[in-house]
Amino acid sequence: MAFILRRLLASIPVVLGVTIIAFLLIHMVPGNPAQAMLFGSNASTAQIAALNKQLGLTLPLWEQYWNFLVQLLHGDLGISYVTHNTVAHELLSRIPSTLALTGTAMLVAIIVGVPLGLVAGIRPNSVLDNIARVVSFIGVAVPYFFLALLLILVVALQFNLVPAIDDGSVSALILPAISLGWGYAAILTRLIRGRVIEEYRSDYVKSARARGCSETRVLLGHVFRNSSIPAITMIGLQFGNILTGAAVTEVIFGRPGVGSFLAASITSKNIPVVQGAIVLIGISYIVINLLVDVVVGVVDPRTRLATAAA
């Protein structure tokens, strides 16, 4: 509990930094929110100025940030300029779609990356190792958005196996999850392969074999456990990256998630939504990193003790 408490306290300045970045970045985007809201209504300059004042956009930046921070501390993310609903409601209604995509993409990465990495590490320079390296090279080299378009063209349009655009069905989740998770599967494959090869060359593995331990016990009890620690850390960090990568994927496949909503809000300069979404993603990063630290501390208590000593 002391370990978790220290990490939570250390996260406070990180959250504060996220709020500052979220606030400043959206104000650097060209455009006027009031003008965008009144677009097509033949609004006069006076009407635009009045709406700017009503939204508080005529206040100094520091005062606008202070108001945003006070609202945030009270759990209020503001009101959307476009829908006039609370930002919290807008984001919460889209979180399940984004979590479904990111969770499935991470599952694809684990299902593909872990077995390939183990097989390649156990038998380096074999046929299976060469296949795993080719798969990982393609996964790293091909951008996920290009893979998404390729999958739509071939799998959805050419063979009509699954929907190209989200229609609410489970099958519509297959292509976005593969396109988003394949690159991270490649990274996981390369990491586990390298760690397994390194662990097999270590002295403690040689000692375990000399004591008569079976290869299965050596693999599962020693090699895989020690190789899993950096893999767990990488999975947690990549899960945060998948959250941000989901924005482009949701736009391509027409999924109503937080990412696509954030992209549309940036275009319309819907300031409360952009700020709320960025803060939400930032806090998600912090929570995921905390969970990763806890899991790694359980798998390898030495890391937890080292952090406590520091």
Protein backbone atom coordinates (compact mmCIF):
# COMPACT_ATOMS: atom_id res chain seq x y z
CA MET A 1 0.00 0.00 0.00
CA ALA A 2 2.90 2.35 0.74
CA PHE A 3 4.32 1.59 -2.70
CA ILE A 4 0.98 2.40 -4.37
CA LEU A 5 0.56 5.56 -2.28
CA ARG A 6 4.00 6.84 -3.29
CA ARG A 7 3.19 6.28 -6.94
CA LEU A 8 -0.13 8.08 -6.62
CA LEU A 9 1.53 11.08 -4.98
CA ALA A 10 4.17 11.15 -7.71
CA SER A 11 1.37 11.19 -10.31
CA ILE A 12 -0.08 14.51 -9.07
CA PRO A 13 2.47 16.75 -10.89
CA VAL A 14 2.07 14.56 -14.00
CA VAL A 15 -1.69 15.14 -14.03
CA LEU A 16 -1.09 18.86 -13.53
CA GLY A 17 1.30 18.87 -16.49
CA VAL A 18 -1.28 17.06 -18.61
CA THR A 19 -3.90 19.70 -17.82
CA ILE A 20 -1.50 22.50 -18.80
CA ILE A 21 -0.62 20.81 -22.10
CA ALA A 22 -4.28 20.04 -22.84
CA PHE A 23 -5.23 23.65 -22.19
CA LEU A 24 -2.42 25.25 -24.19
CA LEU A 25 -2.50 22.94 -27.21
CA ILE A 26 -6.15 23.52 -28.06
CA HIS A 27 -5.70 27.28 -27.73
CA MET A 28 -2.88 27.09 -30.29
CA VAL A 29 -5.21 25.53 -32.88
CA PRO A 30 -6.38 28.18 -35.41
CA GLY A 31 -10.03 29.12 -35.40
CA ASN A 32 -12.66 30.66 -33.20
CA PRO A 33 -15.08 28.35 -31.35
CA ALA A 34 -17.86 30.95 -31.33
CA GLN A 35 -17.52 31.51 -35.07
CA ALA A 36 -17.60 27.75 -35.65
CA MET A 37 -20.73 27.40 -33.51
CA LEU A 38 -22.51 30.19 -35.40
CA PHE A 39 -21.31 29.06 -38.81
CA GLY A 40 -24.10 29.19 -41.37
CA SER A 41 -26.35 31.39 -39.23
CA ASN A 42 -25.21 34.70 -40.82
CA ALA A 43 -23.98 35.82 -37.40
CA SER A 44 -22.63 39.32 -37.11
CA THR A 45 -19.35 40.30 -35.53
CA ALA A 46 -21.20 41.55 -32.47
CA GLN A 47 -22.97 38.20 -32.03
CA ILE A 48 -19.67 36.33 -32.29
CA ALA A 49 -18.09 38.67 -29.74
CA ALA A 50 -21.04 38.21 -27.38
CA LEU A 51 -20.79 34.42 -27.63
CA ASN A 52 -17.03 34.58 -27.00
CA LYS A 53 -17.74 36.54 -23.82
CA GLN A 54 -20.47 34.10 -22.80
CA LEU A 55 -18.08 31.17 -23.20
CA GLY A 56 -15.39 32.97 -21.20
CA LEU A 57 -12.97 33.07 -24.13
CA THR A 58 -12.29 36.79 -23.69
CA LEU A 59 -10.68 36.21 -20.29
CA PRO A 60 -6.88 36.07 -19.97
CA LEU A 61 -5.41 32.60 -20.61
CA TRP A 62 -4.27 32.17 -17.01
CA GLU A 63 -7.78 32.89 -15.75
CA GLN A 64 -9.31 30.51 -18.29
CA TYR A 65 -6.87 27.79 -17.13
CA TRP A 66 -7.64 28.47 -13.48
CA ASN A 67 -11.37 28.12 -14.13
CA PHE A 68 -10.73 24.88 -16.03
CA LEU A 69 -8.59 23.53 -13.17
CA VAL A 70 -11.18 24.43 -10.51
CA GLN A 71 -13.91 22.74 -12.55
CA LEU A 72 -11.70 19.67 -12.97
CA LEU A 73 -11.06 19.43 -9.22
CA HIS A 74 -14.84 19.41 -8.72
CA GLY A 75 -15.21 16.59 -11.27
CA ASP A 76 -16.71 18.91 -13.87
CA LEU A 77 -15.24 18.65 -17.38
CA GLY A 78 -17.48 21.38 -18.76
CA ILE A 79 -20.17 21.56 -21.42
CA SER A 80 -19.69 20.65 -25.07
CA TYR A 81 -19.96 23.67 -27.36
CA VAL A 82 -21.59 21.54 -30.07
CA THR A 83 -24.05 19.19 -28.35
CA HIS A 84 -24.51 21.26 -25.15
CA ASN A 85 -24.28 18.03 -23.14
CA THR A 86 -21.76 17.58 -20.36
CA VAL A 87 -18.32 16.50 -21.56
CA ALA A 88 -18.31 13.69 -19.00
CA HIS A 89 -21.52 12.28 -20.50
CA GLU A 90 -20.15 12.55 -24.05
CA LEU A 91 -16.91 10.77 -23.14
CA LEU A 92 -18.50 8.09 -20.97
CA SER A 93 -20.89 7.16 -23.76
CA ARG A 94 -17.92 6.54 -26.08
CA ILE A 95 -15.50 4.86 -23.68
CA PRO A 96 -16.97 1.32 -24.11
CA SER A 97 -16.34 1.42 -27.88
CA THR A 98 -12.74 2.57 -27.39
CA LEU A 99 -12.07 0.03 -24.63
CA ALA A 100 -13.45 -2.75 -26.81
CA LEU A 101 -11.10 -1.75 -29.63
CA THR A 102 -7.99 -1.25 -27.48
CA GLY A 103 -8.63 -4.38 -25.43
CA THR A 104 -9.12 -6.54 -28.53
CA ALA A 105 -6.07 -5.00 -30.23
CA MET A 106 -3.96 -5.72 -27.15
CA LEU A 107 -5.32 -9.28 -27.10
CA VAL A 108 -4.25 -9.68 -30.75
CA ALA A 109 -0.78 -8.41 -29.83
CA ILE A 110 -0.44 -10.88 -26.94
CA ILE A 111 -1.89 -13.89 -28.77
CA VAL A 112 0.39 -13.33 -31.76
CA GLY A 113 3.47 -11.83 -30.11
CA VAL A 114 4.02 -14.06 -27.06
CA PRO A 115 3.94 -17.48 -28.80
CA LEU A 116 6.00 -16.21 -31.75
CA GLY A 117 8.58 -14.70 -29.42
CA LEU A 118 8.83 -17.88 -27.34
CA VAL A 119 9.17 -20.17 -30.36
CA ALA A 120 11.75 -17.90 -31.98
CA GLY A 121 13.74 -17.59 -28.74
CA ILE A 122 13.71 -21.32 -27.98
CA ARG A 123 14.94 -22.25 -31.46
CA PRO A 124 16.97 -19.30 -32.77
CA ASN A 125 17.92 -19.35 -36.47
CA SER A 126 15.39 -22.10 -37.15
CA VAL A 127 12.66 -21.98 -39.79
CA LEU A 128 10.12 -20.87 -37.17
CA ASP A 129 12.51 -18.18 -35.97
CA ASN A 130 12.91 -16.86 -39.51
CA ILE A 131 9.14 -16.80 -39.98
CA ALA A 132 8.72 -14.95 -36.68
CA ARG A 133 11.35 -12.39 -37.66
CA VAL A 134 9.71 -11.80 -41.03
CA VAL A 135 6.31 -11.33 -39.36
CA SER A 136 7.76 -8.93 -36.78
CA PHE A 137 9.65 -7.00 -39.47
CA ILE A 138 6.48 -6.53 -41.50
CA GLY A 139 4.55 -5.51 -38.39
CA VAL A 140 7.11 -2.85 -37.47
CA ALA A 141 7.62 -1.58 -41.03
CA VAL A 142 3.97 -1.27 -42.11
CA PRO A 143 2.07 1.64 -40.45
CA TYR A 144 -1.16 0.59 -38.79
CA PHE A 145 -3.25 3.06 -40.80
CA PHE A 146 -1.89 1.65 -44.08
CA LEU A 147 -2.59 -1.89 -42.86
CA ALA A 148 -6.12 -0.78 -41.97
CA LEU A 149 -6.77 0.51 -45.50
CA LEU A 150 -5.24 -2.66 -46.98
CA LEU A 151 -7.46 -4.89 -44.85
CA ILE A 152 -10.54 -2.91 -45.84
CA LEU A 153 -9.64 -3.20 -49.53
CA VAL A 154 -8.87 -6.93 -49.49
CA VAL A 155 -10.82 -8.55 -46.65
CA ALA A 156 -13.91 -6.32 -46.54
CA LEU A 157 -14.39 -5.09 -50.11
CA GLN A 158 -12.75 -7.80 -52.21
CA PHE A 159 -13.91 -10.89 -50.29
CA ASN A 160 -16.73 -9.31 -48.24
CA LEU A 161 -15.84 -11.35 -45.15
CA VAL A 162 -16.39 -8.67 -42.50
CA PRO A 163 -17.87 -5.14 -42.47
CA ALA A 164 -15.58 -2.33 -43.59
CA ILE A 165 -17.41 0.27 -41.46
CA ASP A 166 -18.53 -0.25 -37.88
CA ASP A 167 -22.13 -1.44 -37.68
CA GLY A 168 -22.20 -2.37 -34.00
CA SER A 169 -21.50 -6.07 -34.60
CA VAL A 170 -18.64 -8.11 -33.14
CA SER A 171 -17.32 -8.93 -36.62
CA ALA A 172 -16.86 -5.21 -37.31
CA LEU A 173 -14.23 -5.19 -34.53
CA ILE A 174 -11.95 -7.72 -36.26
CA LEU A 175 -10.25 -5.52 -38.86
CA PRO A 176 -9.61 -2.50 -36.60
CA ALA A 177 -8.24 -4.74 -33.85
CA ILE A 178 -5.87 -6.54 -36.23
CA SER A 179 -4.67 -3.35 -37.89
CA LEU A 180 -4.04 -1.68 -34.53
CA GLY A 181 -2.62 -4.68 -32.68
CA TRP A 182 -0.37 -6.19 -35.34
CA GLY A 183 2.43 -3.65 -34.97
CA TYR A 184 2.51 -4.11 -31.21
CA ALA A 185 2.53 -7.89 -31.69
CA ALA A 186 5.70 -7.42 -33.76
CA ILE A 187 7.34 -5.35 -31.02
CA LEU A 188 6.35 -7.94 -28.40
CA THR A 189 7.72 -10.76 -30.56
CA ARG A 190 11.13 -9.12 -30.90
CA LEU A 191 11.31 -8.27 -27.20
CA ILE A 192 10.41 -11.76 -25.97
CA ARG A 193 12.66 -13.44 -28.53
CA GLY A 194 15.66 -11.42 -27.40
CA ARG A 195 14.93 -11.99 -23.71
CA VAL A 196 14.40 -15.74 -24.09
CA ILE A 197 17.69 -16.12 -25.99
CA GLU A 198 19.47 -14.09 -23.31
CA GLU A 199 17.92 -16.09 -20.45
CA TYR A 200 18.83 -19.43 -22.05
CA ARG A 201 22.47 -18.31 -22.08
CA SER A 202 22.48 -17.33 -18.39
CA ASP A 203 24.31 -19.28 -15.72
CA TYR A 204 21.25 -20.12 -13.64
CA VAL A 205 19.67 -21.95 -16.59
CA LYS A 206 22.84 -23.97 -17.07
CA SER A 207 22.78 -24.80 -13.34
CA ALA A 208 19.12 -25.84 -13.52
CA ARG A 209 19.89 -28.19 -16.39
CA ALA A 210 22.90 -29.59 -14.51
CA ARG A 211 20.60 -30.38 -11.57
CA GLY A 212 18.42 -32.43 -13.88
CA CYS A 213 15.51 -30.01 -14.39
CA SER A 214 13.36 -30.81 -17.39
CA GLU A 215 13.26 -28.43 -20.33
CA THR A 216 9.62 -27.65 -19.57
CA ARG A 217 10.48 -26.62 -16.01
CA VAL A 218 13.45 -24.60 -17.22
CA LEU A 219 11.26 -22.80 -19.76
CA LEU A 220 8.22 -22.12 -17.59
CA GLY A 221 9.83 -21.82 -14.17
CA HIS A 222 12.88 -19.80 -15.08
CA VAL A 223 13.15 -18.51 -18.63
CA PHE A 224 9.55 -17.48 -19.25
CA ARG A 225 9.05 -15.92 -15.81
CA ASN A 226 12.14 -13.72 -16.06
CA SER A 227 11.40 -12.89 -19.70
CA SER A 228 7.85 -11.84 -18.82
CA ILE A 229 8.91 -8.92 -16.59
CA PRO A 230 10.03 -6.57 -19.42
CA ALA A 231 7.17 -7.94 -21.54
CA ILE A 232 4.62 -6.94 -18.88
CA THR A 233 6.14 -3.47 -18.70
CA MET A 234 6.07 -3.14 -22.47
CA ILE A 235 2.47 -4.38 -22.69
CA GLY A 236 1.38 -1.72 -20.21
CA LEU A 237 3.20 1.06 -22.02
CA GLN A 238 1.98 -0.10 -25.44
CA PHE A 239 -1.58 -0.25 -24.14
CA GLY A 240 -1.31 3.47 -23.52
CA ASN A 241 0.01 3.95 -27.05
CA ILE A 242 -2.87 1.90 -28.43
CA LEU A 243 -5.28 4.34 -26.74
CA THR A 244 -3.81 7.18 -28.78
CA GLY A 245 -3.49 5.08 -31.95
CA ALA A 246 -7.15 4.18 -31.65
CA ALA A 247 -8.06 7.72 -32.74
CA VAL A 248 -6.89 7.20 -36.33
CA THR A 249 -8.26 3.66 -36.45
CA GLU A 250 -11.68 4.80 -35.22
CA VAL A 251 -11.80 7.49 -37.90
CA ILE A 252 -10.86 5.01 -40.65
CA PHE A 253 -13.42 2.40 -39.60
CA GLY A 254 -16.10 4.89 -38.52
CA ARG A 255 -16.18 3.75 -34.89
CA PRO A 256 -17.92 6.09 -32.41
CA GLY A 257 -15.11 6.10 -29.85
CA VAL A 258 -13.25 8.68 -27.80
CA GLY A 259 -10.50 9.00 -30.43
CA SER A 260 -12.76 9.83 -33.35
CA PHE A 261 -14.77 12.18 -31.10
CA LEU A 262 -11.53 13.92 -30.09
CA ALA A 263 -10.47 14.31 -33.74
CA ALA A 264 -13.84 15.86 -34.67
CA SER A 265 -13.71 18.15 -31.63
CA ILE A 266 -10.25 19.44 -32.58
CA THR A 267 -11.56 20.33 -36.04
CA SER A 268 -14.47 22.29 -34.57
CA LYS A 269 -12.28 23.61 -31.72
CA ASN A 270 -14.67 22.25 -29.14
CA ILE A 271 -12.36 23.25 -26.28
CA PRO A 272 -14.05 21.52 -23.29
CA VAL A 273 -14.24 18.18 -25.13
CA VAL A 274 -10.61 18.32 -26.28
CA GLN A 275 -9.38 19.22 -22.81
CA GLY A 276 -11.52 16.57 -21.15
CA ALA A 277 -10.48 13.85 -23.61
CA ILE A 278 -6.76 14.63 -23.27
CA VAL A 279 -7.00 14.65 -19.46
CA LEU A 280 -8.89 11.34 -19.60
CA ILE A 281 -6.22 9.75 -21.80
CA GLY A 282 -3.45 11.15 -19.60
CA ILE A 283 -5.02 9.74 -16.43
CA SER A 284 -5.47 6.41 -18.23
CA TYR A 285 -1.72 6.36 -18.92
CA ILE A 286 -1.01 6.97 -15.22
CA VAL A 287 -3.42 4.26 -14.05
CA ILE A 288 -2.01 1.75 -16.54
CA ASN A 289 1.57 2.49 -15.47
CA LEU A 290 0.56 2.07 -11.83
CA LEU A 291 -1.06 -1.30 -12.58
CA VAL A 292 2.05 -2.38 -14.50
CA ASP A 293 4.29 -1.47 -11.55
CA VAL A 294 2.05 -3.43 -9.19
CA VAL A 295 2.00 -6.52 -11.44
CA VAL A 296 5.77 -6.39 -11.95
CA GLY A 297 6.21 -6.01 -8.18
CA VAL A 298 4.13 -9.16 -7.65
CA VAL A 299 6.02 -11.16 -10.31
CA ASP A 300 9.43 -9.92 -9.16
CA PRO A 301 9.44 -8.55 -5.56
CA ARG A 302 13.00 -7.26 -6.06
CA THR A 303 11.67 -4.35 -8.15
CA ARG A 304 9.22 -3.37 -5.39
CA LEU A 305 11.95 -3.53 -2.74
CA ALA A 306 14.32 -1.51 -4.92
CA THR A 307 11.68 1.20 -5.36
CA ALA A 308 11.03 1.24 -1.60
CA ALA A 309 14.75 1.60 -0.88
CA ALA A 310 15.02 4.47 -3.36
